[in-house]
Amino acid sequence: MAETVGIFDAKTHFSEIVERVQSTGQSITVTNRGRPAVEIVPCHAKSSRRMSRADAVREIALLRAELPPIGAGEIRDLIAEGRR
């Protein structure tokens, strides 16, 4: 379970929190009035979510294969909606 810290404590002890996130690799959720507001994550965790262009194109192709085909009328409607 991710650690949580209140926004006031996060402001007061920000450098300590950053060091803890860097050293442990664990994310820390900052709460505002008891509700999650933001998450502090180590940089390597964020960059590990990236994928190569080839993998992204492959994922898009798989998604397109799963979706139903779209007709010309629907395309016109979507274009018109985007112009509003």
Protein backbone atom coordinates (compact mmCIF):
# COMPACT_ATOMS: atom_id res chain seq x y z
CA MET A 1 0.00 0.00 0.00
CA ALA A 2 1.30 3.44 -0.94
CA GLU A 3 2.23 5.83 1.82
CA THR A 4 0.14 8.97 2.20
CA VAL A 5 1.03 12.34 3.67
CA GLY A 6 -1.06 15.46 4.21
CA ILE A 7 -0.44 18.52 2.08
CA PHE A 8 0.83 20.61 5.02
CA ASP A 9 3.35 17.92 6.02
CA ALA A 10 4.37 17.50 2.39
CA LYS A 11 5.10 21.22 2.14
CA THR A 12 6.99 21.25 5.43
CA HIS A 13 9.06 18.11 4.75
CA PHE A 14 9.23 18.14 0.95
CA SER A 15 12.96 17.50 0.61
CA GLU A 16 12.77 14.57 3.04
CA ILE A 17 9.85 13.10 1.10
CA VAL A 18 11.73 13.44 -2.19
CA GLU A 19 14.78 11.69 -0.71
CA ARG A 20 12.58 8.88 0.64
CA VAL A 21 10.89 8.38 -2.74
CA GLN A 22 14.28 8.32 -4.48
CA SER A 23 15.85 5.88 -2.02
CA THR A 24 12.94 3.44 -1.69
CA GLY A 25 11.45 3.70 -5.17
CA GLN A 26 7.99 3.80 -3.57
CA SER A 27 5.47 6.47 -4.46
CA ILE A 28 3.88 8.76 -1.88
CA THR A 29 0.35 10.13 -2.24
CA VAL A 30 -0.24 13.68 -1.03
CA THR A 31 -3.73 14.25 0.34
CA ASN A 32 -5.72 17.45 0.57
CA ARG A 33 -8.32 17.31 3.35
CA GLY A 34 -8.07 13.54 3.44
CA ARG A 35 -8.56 12.99 -0.29
CA PRO A 36 -5.74 12.01 -2.66
CA ALA A 37 -4.52 15.06 -4.58
CA VAL A 38 -1.19 14.15 -6.23
CA GLU A 39 1.31 11.35 -6.26
CA ILE A 40 5.07 11.74 -5.98
CA VAL A 41 6.78 8.97 -7.93
CA PRO A 42 10.43 8.26 -8.70
CA CYS A 43 11.52 9.30 -12.19
CA HIS A 44 12.48 5.78 -13.26
CA ALA A 45 8.93 4.56 -12.53
CA LYS A 46 7.46 7.17 -14.85
CA SER A 47 9.92 6.55 -17.68
CA SER A 48 9.45 2.77 -17.48
CA ARG A 49 5.87 3.26 -18.72
CA ARG A 50 7.17 4.52 -22.05
CA MET A 51 7.12 2.25 -25.04
CA SER A 52 8.85 2.34 -28.37
CA ARG A 53 7.11 3.77 -31.41
CA ALA A 54 6.88 0.31 -32.95
CA ASP A 55 5.17 -1.02 -29.82
CA ALA A 56 2.78 1.95 -29.80
CA VAL A 57 1.85 1.39 -33.45
CA ARG A 58 1.31 -2.30 -32.71
CA GLU A 59 -0.97 -1.43 -29.76
CA ILE A 60 -2.98 0.98 -31.94
CA ALA A 61 -3.38 -1.67 -34.64
CA LEU A 62 -4.64 -4.17 -32.06
CA LEU A 63 -7.10 -1.63 -30.71
CA ARG A 64 -8.38 -0.78 -34.20
CA ALA A 65 -8.96 -4.48 -34.88
CA GLU A 66 -11.16 -4.72 -31.76
CA LEU A 67 -13.31 -1.67 -32.54
CA PRO A 68 -16.31 -1.80 -34.88
CA PRO A 69 -15.92 -0.06 -38.22
CA ILE A 70 -17.09 3.54 -38.46
CA GLY A 71 -19.20 4.78 -41.34
CA ALA A 72 -18.79 7.93 -43.44
CA GLY A 73 -21.85 9.50 -41.78
CA GLU A 74 -20.35 9.00 -38.33
CA ILE A 75 -17.08 10.52 -39.48
CA ARG A 76 -18.89 13.63 -40.75
CA ASP A 77 -20.79 13.89 -37.45
CA LEU A 78 -17.56 13.62 -35.45
CA ILE A 79 -15.87 16.28 -37.60
CA ALA A 80 -18.85 18.60 -37.18
CA GLU A 81 -18.82 17.99 -33.41
CA GLY A 82 -15.13 18.88 -33.26
CA ARG A 83 -15.78 22.19 -35.02
CA ARG A 84 -18.30 23.36 -32.40
